[in-house]
Amino acid sequence: MNLSNTVKQDVLAELKNGNTEALNGLSPIVAMQYGLALSTDYKEKSPINDEELNKAMLNRLKDSGVKERLIKQMKEEVTGE
C-alpha cells in the first residue's frame, strides 16, 4: 500500500508548504500517516554529512576540554574527593 494514495493530496501540499494547521482536528494516527507520506515523498538528500558532523563535534569537544573535565569529575565521584 502506498501511503501517498491513502492521504489527501491537498493536505500533503499544505504540509509541504509548511502549513501544519492542516493537521488540526485529525486523529493522531491520520496525522502520522500524513507525516509518513510526506517523508516518503521527500527524496532530496540532506545537505548535512553525518560523518563530517560527528568529526567536527568530536574535534570541538577535544578543543573545549570537556572530556578532561568529565573524566576528572568522574574520578572525584568515585574516590569521594
PDB file of N, CA and C in Angstrom:
ATOM      1  N   MET A   1       0.841  -1.176   0.000  1.00  0.00           N
ATOM      2  CA  MET A   1       0.000   0.000   0.000  1.00  0.00           C
ATOM      3  C   MET A   1       0.890   1.244   0.000  1.00  0.00           C
ATOM      4  N   ASN A   2       0.623   2.142  -0.897  1.00  0.00           N
ATOM      5  CA  ASN A   2       1.378   3.385  -0.994  1.00  0.00           C
ATOM      6  C   ASN A   2       0.707   4.425  -0.108  1.00  0.00           C
ATOM      7  N   LEU A   3       1.456   4.952   0.842  1.00  0.00           N
ATOM      8  CA  LEU A   3       0.880   5.916   1.776  1.00  0.00           C
ATOM      9  C   LEU A   3       0.373   7.170   1.086  1.00  0.00           C
ATOM     10  N   SER A   4       1.021   7.553   0.000  1.00  0.00           N
ATOM     11  CA  SER A   4       0.599   8.761  -0.702  1.00  0.00           C
ATOM     12  C   SER A   4      -0.805   8.623  -1.271  1.00  0.00           C
ATOM     13  N   ASN A   5      -1.220   7.397  -1.549  1.00  0.00           N
ATOM     14  CA  ASN A   5      -2.553   7.179  -2.091  1.00  0.00           C
ATOM     15  C   ASN A   5      -3.617   7.205  -1.007  1.00  0.00           C
ATOM     16  N   THR A   6      -3.256   6.956   0.243  1.00  0.00           N
ATOM     17  CA  THR A   6      -4.238   6.899   1.319  1.00  0.00           C
ATOM     18  C   THR A   6      -4.505   8.251   1.949  1.00  0.00           C
ATOM     19  N   VAL A   7      -3.726   9.248   1.623  1.00  0.00           N
ATOM     20  CA  VAL A   7      -3.914  10.573   2.204  1.00  0.00           C
ATOM     21  C   VAL A   7      -4.319  11.550   1.110  1.00  0.00           C
ATOM     22  N   LYS A   8      -4.961  12.609   1.514  1.00  0.00           N
ATOM     23  CA  LYS A   8      -5.406  13.606   0.545  1.00  0.00           C
ATOM     24  C   LYS A   8      -4.230  14.439   0.067  1.00  0.00           C
ATOM     25  N   GLN A   9      -4.133  14.588  -1.233  1.00  0.00           N
ATOM     26  CA  GLN A   9      -3.009  15.301  -1.833  1.00  0.00           C
ATOM     27  C   GLN A   9      -3.015  16.787  -1.474  1.00  0.00           C
ATOM     28  N   ASP A  10      -4.199  17.386  -1.271  1.00  0.00           N
ATOM     29  CA  ASP A  10      -4.238  18.811  -0.927  1.00  0.00           C
ATOM     30  C   ASP A  10      -3.656  19.059   0.465  1.00  0.00           C
ATOM     31  N   VAL A  11      -3.884  18.125   1.391  1.00  0.00           N
ATOM     32  CA  VAL A  11      -3.304  18.259   2.728  1.00  0.00           C
ATOM     33  C   VAL A  11      -1.791  18.100   2.640  1.00  0.00           C
ATOM     34  N   LEU A  12      -1.341  17.155   1.836  1.00  0.00           N
ATOM     35  CA  LEU A  12       0.104  16.988   1.649  1.00  0.00           C
ATOM     36  C   LEU A  12       0.729  18.243   1.068  1.00  0.00           C
ATOM     37  N   ALA A  13       0.042  18.861   0.118  1.00  0.00           N
ATOM     38  CA  ALA A  13       0.564  20.092  -0.488  1.00  0.00           C
ATOM     39  C   ALA A  13       0.693  21.185   0.563  1.00  0.00           C
ATOM     40  N   GLU A  14      -0.287  21.285   1.450  1.00  0.00           N
ATOM     41  CA  GLU A  14      -0.221  22.291   2.520  1.00  0.00           C
ATOM     42  C   GLU A  14       0.940  22.001   3.462  1.00  0.00           C
ATOM     43  N   LEU A  15       1.138  20.733   3.786  1.00  0.00           N
ATOM     44  CA  LEU A  15       2.242  20.370   4.677  1.00  0.00           C
ATOM     45  C   LEU A  15       3.589  20.663   4.029  1.00  0.00           C
ATOM     46  N   LYS A  16       3.693  20.416   2.728  1.00  0.00           N
ATOM     47  CA  LYS A  16       4.944  20.708   2.025  1.00  0.00           C
ATOM     48  C   LYS A  16       5.253  22.196   2.045  1.00  0.00           C
ATOM     49  N   ASN A  17       4.207  23.012   2.116  1.00  0.00           N
ATOM     50  CA  ASN A  17       4.386  24.464   2.188  1.00  0.00           C
ATOM     51  C   ASN A  17       4.614  24.937   3.617  1.00  0.00           C
ATOM     52  N   GLY A  18       4.639  23.999   4.569  1.00  0.00           N
ATOM     53  CA  GLY A  18       4.917  24.353   5.955  1.00  0.00           C
ATOM     54  C   GLY A  18       3.689  24.655   6.782  1.00  0.00           C
ATOM     55  N   ASN A  19       2.508  24.428   6.239  1.00  0.00           N
ATOM     56  CA  ASN A  19       1.274  24.715   6.961  1.00  0.00           C
ATOM     57  C   ASN A  19       0.867  23.506   7.790  1.00  0.00           C
ATOM     58  N   THR A  20       1.285  23.478   9.035  1.00  0.00           N
ATOM     59  CA  THR A  20       0.939  22.357   9.908  1.00  0.00           C
ATOM     60  C   THR A  20      -0.480  22.476  10.453  1.00  0.00           C
ATOM     61  N   GLU A  21      -1.118  23.618  10.238  1.00  0.00           N
ATOM     62  CA  GLU A  21      -2.509  23.798  10.657  1.00  0.00           C
ATOM     63  C   GLU A  21      -3.427  22.827   9.926  1.00  0.00           C
ATOM     64  N   ALA A  22      -2.975  22.302   8.790  1.00  0.00           N
ATOM     65  CA  ALA A  22      -3.773  21.353   8.015  1.00  0.00           C
ATOM     66  C   ALA A  22      -4.013  20.063   8.795  1.00  0.00           C
ATOM     67  N   LEU A  23      -3.216  19.813   9.836  1.00  0.00           N
ATOM     68  CA  LEU A  23      -3.366  18.605  10.638  1.00  0.00           C
ATOM     69  C   LEU A  23      -4.327  18.778  11.806  1.00  0.00           C
ATOM     70  N   ASN A  24      -4.749  20.007  12.072  1.00  0.00           N
ATOM     71  CA  ASN A  24      -5.646  20.253  13.199  1.00  0.00           C
ATOM     72  C   ASN A  24      -6.947  19.486  13.026  1.00  0.00           C
ATOM     73  N   GLY A  25      -7.392  18.854  14.096  1.00  0.00           N
ATOM     74  CA  GLY A  25      -8.649  18.127  14.095  1.00  0.00           C
ATOM     75  C   GLY A  25      -8.532  16.689  13.617  1.00  0.00           C
ATOM     76  N   LEU A  26      -7.375  16.288  13.134  1.00  0.00           N
ATOM     77  CA  LEU A  26      -7.192  14.912  12.682  1.00  0.00           C
ATOM     78  C   LEU A  26      -6.756  14.036  13.851  1.00  0.00           C
ATOM     79  N   SER A  27      -7.091  12.779  13.773  1.00  0.00           N
ATOM     80  CA  SER A  27      -6.646  11.857  14.822  1.00  0.00           C
ATOM     81  C   SER A  27      -5.132  11.701  14.717  1.00  0.00           C
ATOM     82  N   PRO A  28      -4.483  11.314  15.812  1.00  0.00           N
ATOM     83  CA  PRO A  28      -3.032  11.143  15.774  1.00  0.00           C
ATOM     84  C   PRO A  28      -2.572  10.129  14.723  1.00  0.00           C
ATOM     85  N   ILE A  29      -3.352   9.095  14.522  1.00  0.00           N
ATOM     86  CA  ILE A  29      -2.966   8.073  13.545  1.00  0.00           C
ATOM     87  C   ILE A  29      -3.011   8.632  12.129  1.00  0.00           C
ATOM     88  N   VAL A  30      -4.047   9.407  11.818  1.00  0.00           N
ATOM     89  CA  VAL A  30      -4.155  10.000  10.488  1.00  0.00           C
ATOM     90  C   VAL A  30      -3.051  11.032  10.293  1.00  0.00           C
ATOM     91  N   ALA A  31      -2.762  11.821  11.325  1.00  0.00           N
ATOM     92  CA  ALA A  31      -1.683  12.808  11.233  1.00  0.00           C
ATOM     93  C   ALA A  31      -0.346  12.107  11.000  1.00  0.00           C
ATOM     94  N   MET A  32      -0.146  10.954  11.651  1.00  0.00           N
ATOM     95  CA  MET A  32       1.084  10.200  11.456  1.00  0.00           C
ATOM     96  C   MET A  32       1.162   9.667  10.023  1.00  0.00           C
ATOM     97  N   GLN A  33       0.024   9.263   9.463  1.00  0.00           N
ATOM     98  CA  GLN A  33       0.021   8.799   8.082  1.00  0.00           C
ATOM     99  C   GLN A  33       0.447   9.913   7.137  1.00  0.00           C
ATOM    100  N   TYR A  34      -0.013  11.125   7.412  1.00  0.00           N
ATOM    101  CA  TYR A  34       0.411  12.257   6.589  1.00  0.00           C
ATOM    102  C   TYR A  34       1.911  12.502   6.734  1.00  0.00           C
ATOM    103  N   GLY A  35       2.414  12.396   7.956  1.00  0.00           N
ATOM    104  CA  GLY A  35       3.849  12.579   8.170  1.00  0.00           C
ATOM    105  C   GLY A  35       4.671  11.528   7.446  1.00  0.00           C
ATOM    106  N   LEU A  36       4.222  10.289   7.500  1.00  0.00           N
ATOM    107  CA  LEU A  36       4.926   9.212   6.800  1.00  0.00           C
ATOM    108  C   LEU A  36       4.869   9.409   5.290  1.00  0.00           C
ATOM    109  N   ALA A  37       3.701   9.808   4.796  1.00  0.00           N
ATOM    110  CA  ALA A  37       3.575  10.047   3.352  1.00  0.00           C
ATOM    111  C   ALA A  37       4.470  11.197   2.929  1.00  0.00           C
ATOM    112  N   LEU A  38       4.543  12.224   3.761  1.00  0.00           N
ATOM    113  CA  LEU A  38       5.396  13.367   3.450  1.00  0.00           C
ATOM    114  C   LEU A  38       6.863  12.965   3.451  1.00  0.00           C
ATOM    115  N   SER A  39       7.260  12.140   4.400  1.00  0.00           N
ATOM    116  CA  SER A  39       8.665  11.725   4.463  1.00  0.00           C
ATOM    117  C   SER A  39       9.040  10.819   3.299  1.00  0.00           C
ATOM    118  N   THR A  40       8.106  10.008   2.811  1.00  0.00           N
ATOM    119  CA  THR A  40       8.425   9.158   1.667  1.00  0.00           C
ATOM    120  C   THR A  40       8.450   9.960   0.377  1.00  0.00           C
ATOM    121  N   ASP A  41       7.705  11.053   0.336  1.00  0.00           N
ATOM    122  CA  ASP A  41       7.717  11.916  -0.843  1.00  0.00           C
ATOM    123  C   ASP A  41       8.980  12.758  -0.908  1.00  0.00           C
ATOM    124  N   TYR A  42       9.620  12.975   0.242  1.00  0.00           N
ATOM    125  CA  TYR A  42      10.804  13.821   0.310  1.00  0.00           C
ATOM    126  C   TYR A  42      12.015  12.993  -0.052  1.00  0.00           C
ATOM    127  N   LYS A  43      12.468  13.120  -1.270  1.00  0.00           N
ATOM    128  CA  LYS A  43      13.566  12.291  -1.761  1.00  0.00           C
ATOM    129  C   LYS A  43      14.893  13.045  -1.834  1.00  0.00           C
ATOM    130  N   GLU A  44      14.869  14.313  -1.533  1.00  0.00           N
ATOM    131  CA  GLU A  44      16.077  15.125  -1.616  1.00  0.00           C
ATOM    132  C   GLU A  44      17.040  14.739  -0.505  1.00  0.00           C
ATOM    133  N   LYS A  45      18.298  14.541  -0.857  1.00  0.00           N
ATOM    134  CA  LYS A  45      19.301  14.163   0.126  1.00  0.00           C
ATOM    135  C   LYS A  45      19.637  15.356   1.024  1.00  0.00           C
ATOM    136  N   SER A  46      19.810  15.077   2.277  1.00  0.00           N
ATOM    137  CA  SER A  46      20.146  16.117   3.228  1.00  0.00           C
ATOM    138  C   SER A  46      21.527  16.681   2.923  1.00  0.00           C
ATOM    139  N   PRO A  47      21.677  17.996   2.998  1.00  0.00           N
ATOM    140  CA  PRO A  47      22.998  18.595   2.753  1.00  0.00           C
ATOM    141  C   PRO A  47      23.973  18.370   3.907  1.00  0.00           C
ATOM    142  N   ILE A  48      23.493  17.817   5.008  1.00  0.00           N
ATOM    143  CA  ILE A  48      24.340  17.597   6.171  1.00  0.00           C
ATOM    144  C   ILE A  48      24.984  16.223   6.065  1.00  0.00           C
ATOM    145  N   ASN A  49      26.292  16.185   6.121  1.00  0.00           N
ATOM    146  CA  ASN A  49      27.045  14.940   6.085  1.00  0.00           C
ATOM    147  C   ASN A  49      27.255  14.494   7.525  1.00  0.00           C
ATOM    148  N   ASP A  50      26.609  13.399   7.908  1.00  0.00           N
ATOM    149  CA  ASP A  50      26.664  12.939   9.294  1.00  0.00           C
ATOM    150  C   ASP A  50      28.073  12.611   9.758  1.00  0.00           C
ATOM    151  N   GLU A  51      28.866  11.993   8.900  1.00  0.00           N
ATOM    152  CA  GLU A  51      30.231  11.645   9.293  1.00  0.00           C
ATOM    153  C   GLU A  51      31.060  12.891   9.582  1.00  0.00           C
ATOM    154  N   GLU A  52      30.939  13.876   8.727  1.00  0.00           N
ATOM    155  CA  GLU A  52      31.691  15.120   8.938  1.00  0.00           C
ATOM    156  C   GLU A  52      31.197  15.853  10.171  1.00  0.00           C
ATOM    157  N   LEU A  53      29.899  15.810  10.403  1.00  0.00           N
ATOM    158  CA  LEU A  53      29.336  16.446  11.595  1.00  0.00           C
ATOM    159  C   LEU A  53      29.871  15.776  12.857  1.00  0.00           C
ATOM    160  N   ASN A  54      29.917  14.449  12.860  1.00  0.00           N
ATOM    161  CA  ASN A  54      30.460  13.726  14.014  1.00  0.00           C
ATOM    162  C   ASN A  54      31.915  14.091  14.258  1.00  0.00           C
ATOM    163  N   LYS A  55      32.709  14.144  13.193  1.00  0.00           N
ATOM    164  CA  LYS A  55      34.124  14.515  13.336  1.00  0.00           C
ATOM    165  C   LYS A  55      34.263  15.926  13.898  1.00  0.00           C
ATOM    166  N   ALA A  56      33.453  16.835  13.385  1.00  0.00           N
ATOM    167  CA  ALA A  56      33.520  18.222  13.848  1.00  0.00           C
ATOM    168  C   ALA A  56      33.142  18.325  15.323  1.00  0.00           C
ATOM    169  N   MET A  57      32.111  17.577  15.745  1.00  0.00           N
ATOM    170  CA  MET A  57      31.698  17.618  17.149  1.00  0.00           C
ATOM    171  C   MET A  57      32.776  17.031  18.053  1.00  0.00           C
ATOM    172  N   LEU A  58      33.399  15.934  17.622  1.00  0.00           N
ATOM    173  CA  LEU A  58      34.477  15.343  18.421  1.00  0.00           C
ATOM    174  C   LEU A  58      35.668  16.288  18.522  1.00  0.00           C
ATOM    175  N   ASN A  59      36.000  16.930  17.423  1.00  0.00           N
ATOM    176  CA  ASN A  59      37.093  17.905  17.450  1.00  0.00           C
ATOM    177  C   ASN A  59      36.759  19.068  18.361  1.00  0.00           C
ATOM    178  N   ARG A  60      35.517  19.496  18.333  1.00  0.00           N
ATOM    179  CA  ARG A  60      35.084  20.604  19.188  1.00  0.00           C
ATOM    180  C   ARG A  60      35.195  20.218  20.658  1.00  0.00           C
ATOM    181  N   LEU A  61      34.806  18.974  20.969  1.00  0.00           N
ATOM    182  CA  LEU A  61      34.925  18.503  22.348  1.00  0.00           C
ATOM    183  C   LEU A  61      36.378  18.434  22.784  1.00  0.00           C
ATOM    184  N   LYS A  62      37.239  17.992  21.890  1.00  0.00           N
ATOM    185  CA  LYS A  62      38.673  17.922  22.214  1.00  0.00           C
ATOM    186  C   LYS A  62      39.212  19.313  22.515  1.00  0.00           C
ATOM    187  N   ASP A  63      38.801  20.282  21.724  1.00  0.00           N
ATOM    188  CA  ASP A  63      39.288  21.643  21.884  1.00  0.00           C
ATOM    189  C   ASP A  63      38.754  22.307  23.153  1.00  0.00           C
ATOM    190  N   SER A  64      37.586  21.899  23.601  1.00  0.00           N
ATOM    191  CA  SER A  64      36.956  22.587  24.722  1.00  0.00           C
ATOM    192  C   SER A  64      37.391  22.067  26.082  1.00  0.00           C
ATOM    193  N   GLY A  65      38.017  20.901  26.132  1.00  0.00           N
ATOM    194  CA  GLY A  65      38.435  20.354  27.409  1.00  0.00           C
ATOM    195  C   GLY A  65      37.316  19.677  28.179  1.00  0.00           C
ATOM    196  N   VAL A  66      36.169  19.486  27.565  1.00  0.00           N
ATOM    197  CA  VAL A  66      35.030  18.872  28.244  1.00  0.00           C
ATOM    198  C   VAL A  66      35.350  17.449  28.667  1.00  0.00           C
ATOM    199  N   LYS A  67      35.988  16.712  27.789  1.00  0.00           N
ATOM    200  CA  LYS A  67      36.313  15.318  28.084  1.00  0.00           C
ATOM    201  C   LYS A  67      37.173  15.217  29.340  1.00  0.00           C
ATOM    202  N   GLU A  68      38.189  16.058  29.417  1.00  0.00           N
ATOM    203  CA  GLU A  68      39.072  16.024  30.574  1.00  0.00           C
ATOM    204  C   GLU A  68      38.328  16.387  31.855  1.00  0.00           C
ATOM    205  N   ARG A  69      37.446  17.390  31.772  1.00  0.00           N
ATOM    206  CA  ARG A  69      36.672  17.782  32.956  1.00  0.00           C
ATOM    207  C   ARG A  69      35.743  16.668  33.399  1.00  0.00           C
ATOM    208  N   LEU A  70      35.109  15.969  32.435  1.00  0.00           N
ATOM    209  CA  LEU A  70      34.217  14.868  32.787  1.00  0.00           C
ATOM    210  C   LEU A  70      34.980  13.726  33.438  1.00  0.00           C
ATOM    211  N   ILE A  71      36.152  13.404  32.899  1.00  0.00           N
ATOM    212  CA  ILE A  71      36.971  12.338  33.483  1.00  0.00           C
ATOM    213  C   ILE A  71      37.382  12.711  34.900  1.00  0.00           C
ATOM    214  N   LYS A  72      37.797  13.941  35.100  1.00  0.00           N
ATOM    215  CA  LYS A  72      38.197  14.405  36.431  1.00  0.00           C
ATOM    216  C   LYS A  72      37.019  14.340  37.394  1.00  0.00           C
ATOM    217  N   GLN A  73      35.845  14.771  36.930  1.00  0.00           N
ATOM    218  CA  GLN A  73      34.652  14.751  37.774  1.00  0.00           C
ATOM    219  C   GLN A  73      34.273  13.315  38.139  1.00  0.00           C
ATOM    220  N   MET A  74      34.364  12.401  37.201  1.00  0.00           N
ATOM    221  CA  MET A  74      34.034  11.000  37.475  1.00  0.00           C
ATOM    222  C   MET A  74      35.016  10.396  38.469  1.00  0.00           C
ATOM    223  N   LYS A  75      36.296  10.717  38.339  1.00  0.00           N
ATOM    224  CA  LYS A  75      37.298  10.213  39.278  1.00  0.00           C
ATOM    225  C   LYS A  75      37.033  10.739  40.675  1.00  0.00           C
ATOM    226  N   GLU A  76      36.657  12.022  40.756  1.00  0.00           N
ATOM    227  CA  GLU A  76      36.366  12.623  42.050  1.00  0.00           C
ATOM    228  C   GLU A  76      35.156  11.965  42.709  1.00  0.00           C
ATOM    229  N   GLU A  77      34.158  11.632  41.907  1.00  0.00           N
ATOM    230  CA  GLU A  77      32.959  10.981  42.471  1.00  0.00           C
ATOM    231  C   GLU A  77      33.268   9.582  42.963  1.00  0.00           C
ATOM    232  N   VAL A  78      34.144   8.883  42.250  1.00  0.00           N
ATOM    233  CA  VAL A  78      34.498   7.514  42.635  1.00  0.00           C
ATOM    234  C   VAL A  78      35.352   7.516  43.891  1.00  0.00           C
ATOM    235  N   THR A  79      36.323   8.418  43.951  1.00  0.00           N
ATOM    236  CA  THR A  79      37.236   8.445  45.109  1.00  0.00           C
ATOM    237  C   THR A  79      36.661   9.208  46.266  1.00  0.00           C
ATOM    238  N   GLY A  80      35.620  10.009  46.044  1.00  0.00           N
ATOM    239  CA  GLY A  80      34.994  10.765  47.117  1.00  0.00           C
ATOM    240  C   GLY A  80      35.722  12.022  47.494  1.00  0.00           C
ATOM    241  N   GLU A  81      36.591  12.479  46.631  1.00  0.00           N
ATOM    242  CA  GLU A  81      37.373  13.702  46.938  1.00  0.00           C
ATOM    243  C   GLU A  81      36.557  14.927  46.674  1.00  0.00           C
TER     244      GLU A  81
END
